[in-house]
C-alpha atoms as a PDB file:
ATOM      1  CA  UNK A   1      21.347  10.394  16.738  1.00  0.00           C
ATOM      2  CA  UNK A   2      18.596   8.108  17.440  1.00  0.00           C
ATOM      3  CA  UNK A   3      18.927   4.498  17.217  1.00  0.00           C
ATOM      4  CA  UNK A   4      14.911   4.000  16.305  1.00  0.00           C
ATOM      5  CA  UNK A   5      12.674   5.741  14.018  1.00  0.00           C
ATOM      6  CA  UNK A   6       9.182   7.094  14.196  1.00  0.00           C
ATOM      7  CA  UNK A   7       6.896   6.826  11.055  1.00  0.00           C
ATOM      8  CA  UNK A   8       3.267   7.929  10.438  1.00  0.00           C
ATOM      9  CA  UNK A   9       1.525   5.650   7.897  1.00  0.00           C
ATOM     10  CA  UNK A  10      -0.956   7.444   6.530  1.00  0.00           C
ATOM     11  CA  UNK A  11      -3.464   4.975   5.169  1.00  0.00           C
ATOM     12  CA  UNK A  12      -5.896   4.818   2.709  1.00  0.00           C
ATOM     13  CA  UNK A  13      -8.977   3.192   4.906  1.00  0.00           C
ATOM     14  CA  UNK A  14      -9.402   0.773   7.549  1.00  0.00           C
ATOM     15  CA  UNK A  15      -7.905  -2.454   5.766  1.00  0.00           C
ATOM     16  CA  UNK A  16      -4.821  -0.970   5.051  1.00  0.00           C
ATOM     17  CA  UNK A  17      -4.478   0.545   8.759  1.00  0.00           C
ATOM     18  CA  UNK A  18      -5.095  -2.703  10.015  1.00  0.00           C
ATOM     19  CA  UNK A  19      -2.681  -4.227   7.742  1.00  0.00           C
ATOM     20  CA  UNK A  20       0.155  -1.807   9.167  1.00  0.00           C
ATOM     21  CA  UNK A  21      -1.073  -2.264  12.943  1.00  0.00           C
ATOM     22  CA  UNK A  22      -1.258  -6.057  12.893  1.00  0.00           C
ATOM     23  CA  UNK A  23       1.115  -6.969  10.445  1.00  0.00           C
ATOM     24  CA  UNK A  24       3.865  -4.391   8.992  1.00  0.00           C
ATOM     25  CA  UNK A  25       4.273  -2.936  12.457  1.00  0.00           C
ATOM     26  CA  UNK A  26       5.146  -5.423  14.900  1.00  0.00           C
ATOM     27  CA  UNK A  27       7.420  -6.988  11.911  1.00  0.00           C
ATOM     28  CA  UNK A  28       9.181  -3.549  11.475  1.00  0.00           C
ATOM     29  CA  UNK A  29       9.623  -2.865  15.477  1.00  0.00           C
ATOM     30  CA  UNK A  30      12.106  -5.631  15.787  1.00  0.00           C
ATOM     31  CA  UNK A  31      14.098  -3.666  13.660  1.00  0.00           C
ATOM     32  CA  UNK A  32      13.549  -0.167  15.748  1.00  0.00           C
ATOM     33  CA  UNK A  33      11.092   1.259  13.523  1.00  0.00           C
ATOM     34  CA  UNK A  34       7.968   1.665  14.872  1.00  0.00           C
ATOM     35  CA  UNK A  35       4.779   2.521  13.001  1.00  0.00           C
ATOM     36  CA  UNK A  36       1.475   4.359  13.574  1.00  0.00           C
ATOM     37  CA  UNK A  37      -1.094   4.156  11.225  1.00  0.00           C
ATOM     38  CA  UNK A  38      -3.323   7.053  10.471  1.00  0.00           C
ATOM     39  CA  UNK A  39      -6.472   6.834   8.186  1.00  0.00           C
ATOM     40  CA  UNK A  40      -6.617   9.969   5.742  1.00  0.00           C
ATOM     41  CA  UNK A  41      -8.794  12.306   6.822  1.00  0.00           C
ATOM     42  CA  UNK A  42     -12.014  12.481   4.686  1.00  0.00           C
ATOM     43  CA  UNK A  43     -15.270  13.151   7.178  1.00  0.00           C
ATOM     44  CA  UNK A  44     -17.950  11.309   6.530  1.00  0.00           C
ATOM     45  CA  UNK A  45     -16.142   8.342   4.338  1.00  0.00           C
ATOM     46  CA  UNK A  46     -13.661   5.657   4.726  1.00  0.00           C
ATOM     47  CA  UNK A  47     -11.306   4.428   2.312  1.00  0.00           C
ATOM     48  CA  UNK A  48     -11.516   4.567  -1.390  1.00  0.00           C
ATOM     49  CA  UNK A  49     -11.632   7.848  -4.080  1.00  0.00           C
ATOM     50  CA  UNK A  50      -8.506   8.604  -2.541  1.00  0.00           C
ATOM     51  CA  UNK A  51      -7.851  12.559  -4.223  1.00  0.00           C
ATOM     52  CA  UNK A  52      -3.989  14.151  -3.715  1.00  0.00           C
ATOM     53  CA  UNK A  53      -5.785  16.999  -2.222  1.00  0.00           C
ATOM     54  CA  UNK A  54      -6.738  14.649   0.477  1.00  0.00           C
ATOM     55  CA  UNK A  55      -3.619  13.089   1.227  1.00  0.00           C
ATOM     56  CA  UNK A  56      -1.848  16.479   0.481  1.00  0.00           C
ATOM     57  CA  UNK A  57      -3.460  18.215   3.590  1.00  0.00           C
ATOM     58  CA  UNK A  58      -2.738  15.214   6.105  1.00  0.00           C
ATOM     59  CA  UNK A  59       1.024  15.159   4.760  1.00  0.00           C
ATOM     60  CA  UNK A  60       1.280  18.921   5.554  1.00  0.00           C
ATOM     61  CA  UNK A  61      -0.401  18.397   8.872  1.00  0.00           C
ATOM     62  CA  UNK A  62       1.893  15.528  10.157  1.00  0.00           C
ATOM     63  CA  UNK A  63       5.124  17.028   8.568  1.00  0.00           C
ATOM     64  CA  UNK A  64       4.293  20.270  10.677  1.00  0.00           C
ATOM     65  CA  UNK A  65       3.785  18.240  13.817  1.00  0.00           C
ATOM     66  CA  UNK A  66       6.072  16.064  13.850  1.00  0.00           C
ATOM     67  CA  UNK A  67       9.680  17.539  13.292  1.00  0.00           C
ATOM     68  CA  UNK A  68      11.693  14.401  13.659  1.00  0.00           C
ATOM     69  CA  UNK A  69       9.046  11.873  12.325  1.00  0.00           C
ATOM     70  CA  UNK A  70       8.849  10.473   8.929  1.00  0.00           C
ATOM     71  CA  UNK A  71       5.847  10.404   6.456  1.00  0.00           C
ATOM     72  CA  UNK A  72       4.736   7.671   4.415  1.00  0.00           C
ATOM     73  CA  UNK A  73       1.673   6.784   2.434  1.00  0.00           C
ATOM     74  CA  UNK A  74      -0.023   2.993   2.051  1.00  0.00           C
ATOM     75  CA  UNK A  75      -2.652   4.045  -0.855  1.00  0.00           C
ATOM     76  CA  UNK A  76      -3.925   1.713  -3.682  1.00  0.00           C
ATOM     77  CA  UNK A  77      -3.383   2.463  -7.280  1.00  0.00           C
ATOM     78  CA  UNK A  78      -6.608   1.331  -8.119  1.00  0.00           C
ATOM     79  CA  UNK A  79      -9.419   3.701  -7.517  1.00  0.00           C
ATOM     80  CA  UNK A  80      -6.799   6.732  -7.164  1.00  0.00           C
ATOM     81  CA  UNK A  81      -8.579  10.196  -7.992  1.00  0.00           C
ATOM     82  CA  UNK A  82      -6.924  11.392 -11.387  1.00  0.00           C
ATOM     83  CA  UNK A  83      -5.404  14.502  -9.440  1.00  0.00           C
ATOM     84  CA  UNK A  84      -2.369  12.966  -8.473  1.00  0.00           C
ATOM     85  CA  UNK A  85       0.935  13.765  -9.722  1.00  0.00           C
ATOM     86  CA  UNK A  86       2.268  11.612 -12.640  1.00  0.00           C
ATOM     87  CA  UNK A  87      -1.501   9.965 -12.957  1.00  0.00           C
ATOM     88  CA  UNK A  88      -2.068  10.879 -16.399  1.00  0.00           C
ATOM     89  CA  UNK A  89       1.569   9.893 -17.317  1.00  0.00           C
ATOM     90  CA  UNK A  90       1.146   6.578 -15.528  1.00  0.00           C
ATOM     91  CA  UNK A  91      -1.839   5.679 -17.412  1.00  0.00           C
ATOM     92  CA  UNK A  92       0.294   5.866 -20.647  1.00  0.00           C
ATOM     93  CA  UNK A  93       2.405   2.897 -19.438  1.00  0.00           C
ATOM     94  CA  UNK A  94       1.898  -0.717 -19.952  1.00  0.00           C
ATOM     95  CA  UNK A  95       4.185  -1.952 -17.185  1.00  0.00           C
ATOM     96  CA  UNK A  96       2.848  -1.815 -13.575  1.00  0.00           C
ATOM     97  CA  UNK A  97       6.507  -1.498 -12.328  1.00  0.00           C
ATOM     98  CA  UNK A  98       6.864   1.714 -14.596  1.00  0.00           C
ATOM     99  CA  UNK A  99       3.223   3.436 -13.306  1.00  0.00           C
ATOM    100  CA  UNK A 100       4.472   2.724  -9.692  1.00  0.00           C
ATOM    101  CA  UNK A 101       7.703   4.306 -10.541  1.00  0.00           C
ATOM    102  CA  UNK A 102       6.468   7.627 -12.093  1.00  0.00           C
ATOM    103  CA  UNK A 103       3.584   8.166  -9.568  1.00  0.00           C
ATOM    104  CA  UNK A 104       5.790   7.878  -6.367  1.00  0.00           C
ATOM    105  CA  UNK A 105       8.542   9.886  -7.971  1.00  0.00           C
ATOM    106  CA  UNK A 106       5.987  12.421  -8.987  1.00  0.00           C
ATOM    107  CA  UNK A 107       4.157  12.488  -5.633  1.00  0.00           C
ATOM    108  CA  UNK A 108       7.547  12.938  -3.816  1.00  0.00           C
ATOM    109  CA  UNK A 109       8.751  15.579  -6.228  1.00  0.00           C
ATOM    110  CA  UNK A 110       5.315  17.250  -5.455  1.00  0.00           C
ATOM    111  CA  UNK A 111       5.297  17.348  -1.748  1.00  0.00           C
ATOM    112  CA  UNK A 112       8.891  18.410  -1.785  1.00  0.00           C
ATOM    113  CA  UNK A 113       8.192  21.457  -3.799  1.00  0.00           C
ATOM    114  CA  UNK A 114       4.964  22.218  -1.738  1.00  0.00           C
ATOM    115  CA  UNK A 115       6.677  21.455   1.682  1.00  0.00           C
ATOM    116  CA  UNK A 116      10.248  22.126   1.213  1.00  0.00           C
ATOM    117  CA  UNK A 117      10.621  24.482   4.211  1.00  0.00           C
ATOM    118  CA  UNK A 118       9.775  21.417   6.315  1.00  0.00           C
ATOM    119  CA  UNK A 119      12.576  19.374   5.335  1.00  0.00           C
ATOM    120  CA  UNK A 120      10.058  16.980   3.215  1.00  0.00           C
ATOM    121  CA  UNK A 121      12.589  15.577   0.985  1.00  0.00           C
ATOM    122  CA  UNK A 122      14.331  13.824   4.005  1.00  0.00           C
ATOM    123  CA  UNK A 123      11.098  12.867   5.731  1.00  0.00           C
ATOM    124  CA  UNK A 124       8.398  11.387   3.120  1.00  0.00           C
ATOM    125  CA  UNK A 125       8.435   8.239   1.566  1.00  0.00           C
ATOM    126  CA  UNK A 126       5.523   7.520  -0.922  1.00  0.00           C
ATOM    127  CA  UNK A 127       3.787   4.280  -1.656  1.00  0.00           C
ATOM    128  CA  UNK A 128       1.214   3.641  -4.026  1.00  0.00           C
ATOM    129  CA  UNK A 129       0.443  -0.170  -3.749  1.00  0.00           C
ATOM    130  CA  UNK A 130      -0.046  -2.010  -7.078  1.00  0.00           C
ATOM    131  CA  UNK A 131      -2.693  -2.448  -7.830  1.00  0.00           C
ATOM    132  CA  UNK A 132      -4.268  -3.178  -4.444  1.00  0.00           C
ATOM    133  CA  UNK A 133      -3.000  -4.207  -0.907  1.00  0.00           C
ATOM    134  CA  UNK A 134      -4.888  -7.555  -1.526  1.00  0.00           C
ATOM    135  CA  UNK A 135      -2.800  -8.363  -4.260  1.00  0.00           C
ATOM    136  CA  UNK A 136      -0.089  -9.231  -1.420  1.00  0.00           C
ATOM    137  CA  UNK A 137      -2.152 -12.086  -0.633  1.00  0.00           C
ATOM    138  CA  UNK A 138      -1.491 -13.842  -3.909  1.00  0.00           C
ATOM    139  CA  UNK A 139       2.148 -14.311  -2.684  1.00  0.00           C
ATOM    140  CA  UNK A 140       1.516 -17.380  -1.356  1.00  0.00           C
ATOM    141  CA  UNK A 141      -1.282 -19.498  -3.315  1.00  0.00           C
ATOM    142  CA  UNK A 142      -1.514 -22.457  -0.954  1.00  0.00           C
ATOM    143  CA  UNK A 143      -1.890 -20.353   2.108  1.00  0.00           C
ATOM    144  CA  UNK A 144      -4.530 -18.294   0.363  1.00  0.00           C
ATOM    145  CA  UNK A 145      -6.436 -21.189  -0.791  1.00  0.00           C
ATOM    146  CA  UNK A 146      -6.555 -22.561   2.861  1.00  0.00           C
ATOM    147  CA  UNK A 147      -7.596 -19.002   4.461  1.00  0.00           C
ATOM    148  CA  UNK A 148     -10.196 -17.996   1.771  1.00  0.00           C
ATOM    149  CA  UNK A 149     -11.693 -21.292   0.775  1.00  0.00           C
ATOM    150  CA  UNK A 150     -10.925 -20.472  -2.643  1.00  0.00           C
ATOM    151  CA  UNK A 151      -9.272 -23.720  -5.188  1.00  0.00           C
ATOM    152  CA  UNK A 152      -5.518 -23.046  -5.542  1.00  0.00           C
ATOM    153  CA  UNK A 153      -6.069 -23.939  -8.908  1.00  0.00           C
ATOM    154  CA  UNK A 154      -8.231 -20.972  -9.451  1.00  0.00           C
ATOM    155  CA  UNK A 155      -5.654 -18.812  -7.701  1.00  0.00           C
ATOM    156  CA  UNK A 156      -2.580 -19.925  -9.720  1.00  0.00           C
ATOM    157  CA  UNK A 157      -4.653 -19.560 -13.213  1.00  0.00           C
ATOM    158  CA  UNK A 158      -4.996 -15.886 -12.352  1.00  0.00           C
ATOM    159  CA  UNK A 159      -1.185 -15.604 -11.315  1.00  0.00           C
ATOM    160  CA  UNK A 160      -0.366 -17.381 -14.693  1.00  0.00           C
ATOM    161  CA  UNK A 161      -2.482 -15.010 -16.581  1.00  0.00           C
ATOM    162  CA  UNK A 162      -1.127 -11.816 -14.754  1.00  0.00           C
ATOM    163  CA  UNK A 163       2.459 -12.654 -14.382  1.00  0.00           C
ATOM    164  CA  UNK A 164       2.856 -11.894 -10.462  1.00  0.00           C
ATOM    165  CA  UNK A 165       0.677 -10.288  -7.722  1.00  0.00           C
ATOM    166  CA  UNK A 166       1.461  -7.003  -8.477  1.00  0.00           C
ATOM    167  CA  UNK A 167       0.277  -7.158 -11.958  1.00  0.00           C
ATOM    168  CA  UNK A 168      -3.144  -8.163 -11.069  1.00  0.00           C
ATOM    169  CA  UNK A 169      -4.702  -5.245 -12.655  1.00  0.00           C
ATOM    170  CA  UNK A 170      -7.257  -2.333 -11.656  1.00  0.00           C
ATOM    171  CA  UNK A 171     -10.217  -2.847 -13.532  1.00  0.00           C
ATOM    172  CA  UNK A 172     -13.300  -2.794 -11.815  1.00  0.00           C
ATOM    173  CA  UNK A 173     -13.939  -6.602 -12.143  1.00  0.00           C
ATOM    174  CA  UNK A 174     -10.588  -7.939 -11.585  1.00  0.00           C
ATOM    175  CA  UNK A 175      -8.630  -5.656  -9.188  1.00  0.00           C
ATOM    176  CA  UNK A 176      -7.259  -8.436  -6.590  1.00  0.00           C
ATOM    177  CA  UNK A 177      -9.998  -7.673  -4.330  1.00  0.00           C
ATOM    178  CA  UNK A 178     -12.634  -7.901  -6.773  1.00  0.00           C
ATOM    179  CA  UNK A 179     -11.527 -11.430  -8.011  1.00  0.00           C
ATOM    180  CA  UNK A 180     -11.144 -12.708  -4.385  1.00  0.00           C
ATOM    181  CA  UNK A 181     -14.910 -11.450  -3.524  1.00  0.00           C
ATOM    182  CA  UNK A 182     -15.942 -13.259  -6.660  1.00  0.00           C
ATOM    183  CA  UNK A 183     -14.434 -16.446  -5.946  1.00  0.00           C
ATOM    184  CA  UNK A 184     -15.388 -16.332  -2.418  1.00  0.00           C
ATOM    185  CA  UNK A 185     -18.611 -14.896  -0.985  1.00  0.00           C
ATOM    186  CA  UNK A 186     -17.230 -14.859   2.557  1.00  0.00           C
ATOM    187  CA  UNK A 187     -14.031 -12.626   1.662  1.00  0.00           C
ATOM    188  CA  UNK A 188     -14.230  -9.200   3.444  1.00  0.00           C
ATOM    189  CA  UNK A 189     -11.381  -6.874   3.104  1.00  0.00           C
ATOM    190  CA  UNK A 190     -10.954  -6.028   7.084  1.00  0.00           C
ATOM    191  CA  UNK A 191     -11.878  -9.673   8.419  1.00  0.00           C
ATOM    192  CA  UNK A 192     -11.196 -12.160   5.873  1.00  0.00           C
ATOM    193  CA  UNK A 193      -8.420 -10.399   3.775  1.00  0.00           C
ATOM    194  CA  UNK A 194      -6.448  -9.355   7.286  1.00  0.00           C
ATOM    195  CA  UNK A 195      -6.601 -12.948   8.439  1.00  0.00           C
ATOM    196  CA  UNK A 196      -5.539 -14.195   5.248  1.00  0.00           C
ATOM    197  CA  UNK A 197      -2.593 -11.615   5.316  1.00  0.00           C
ATOM    198  CA  UNK A 198      -1.549 -12.710   8.856  1.00  0.00           C
ATOM    199  CA  UNK A 199      -1.577 -16.372   7.919  1.00  0.00           C
ATOM    200  CA  UNK A 200       0.821 -15.461   4.857  1.00  0.00           C
ATOM    201  CA  UNK A 201       3.137 -13.334   6.784  1.00  0.00           C
ATOM    202  CA  UNK A 202       5.338 -10.247   5.551  1.00  0.00           C
ATOM    203  CA  UNK A 203       8.418 -12.391   4.273  1.00  0.00           C
ATOM    204  CA  UNK A 204       6.391 -14.155   1.785  1.00  0.00           C
ATOM    205  CA  UNK A 205       4.994 -11.191   0.653  1.00  0.00           C
ATOM    206  CA  UNK A 206       8.330  -9.639   0.086  1.00  0.00           C
ATOM    207  CA  UNK A 207       9.686 -12.323  -1.604  1.00  0.00           C
ATOM    208  CA  UNK A 208       6.953 -12.335  -4.386  1.00  0.00           C
ATOM    209  CA  UNK A 209       6.165  -8.445  -4.477  1.00  0.00           C
ATOM    210  CA  UNK A 210       9.177  -6.617  -5.524  1.00  0.00           C
ATOM    211  CA  UNK A 211       7.383  -2.993  -5.279  1.00  0.00           C
ATOM    212  CA  UNK A 212       6.113  -3.497  -1.652  1.00  0.00           C
ATOM    213  CA  UNK A 213       9.533  -5.091  -0.650  1.00  0.00           C
ATOM    214  CA  UNK A 214      11.469  -1.744  -2.078  1.00  0.00           C
ATOM    215  CA  UNK A 215       9.022   0.158   0.327  1.00  0.00           C
ATOM    216  CA  UNK A 216       9.512  -2.001   3.202  1.00  0.00           C
ATOM    217  CA  UNK A 217      13.068  -1.952   2.484  1.00  0.00           C
ATOM    218  CA  UNK A 218      13.050   1.991   2.601  1.00  0.00           C
ATOM    219  CA  UNK A 219      11.756   1.651   5.991  1.00  0.00           C
ATOM    220  CA  UNK A 220      13.958  -0.523   7.291  1.00  0.00           C
ATOM    221  CA  UNK A 221      16.736   1.492   6.675  1.00  0.00           C
ATOM    222  CA  UNK A 222      15.508   4.597   8.443  1.00  0.00           C
END
């Protein structure tokens, strides 16, 4: 049995890919879990509008190509395609934790049904972030304020309204990245955002974001 694990992370777009490459991969490498982030294939486009058909094809490809490798997803719930397993049911739920549970379970079951011959149930770990990866940056209000130039009071007010980072919702004007763009004209997902994430670090994100922590824990346990 190997004393390490190799994991392909199918990322929604460049922001998620950089997050894995610069933060999560080094963090887990110390524990013998080696991540390779790959952007979901969508010719001519980058990120956003993630339909299940797009993810399904890539999941199948990597399951076939790498018989001893785990596959996981890093996709935002905000803006996800309505063809995803569990999507309609998740939209009926008020609690973000319940939405995530429904989506992840339905996705895992669908992949297992489609690709059971590839041992998919043992090698596929779905993760749909609530509601965007940028929600993780709200784990550390002082750090986010310092790195973004946004008043800490404004960040704390958002958290007071939403309750916790992963509950900062998925409306087109109130999703985490939209709020940061509104508060700071210099905020850019793949530059400012990744710099903020690096300054905050994975441990603080895990402390404040249970859904994210659960995913990282699953990867650690591989």
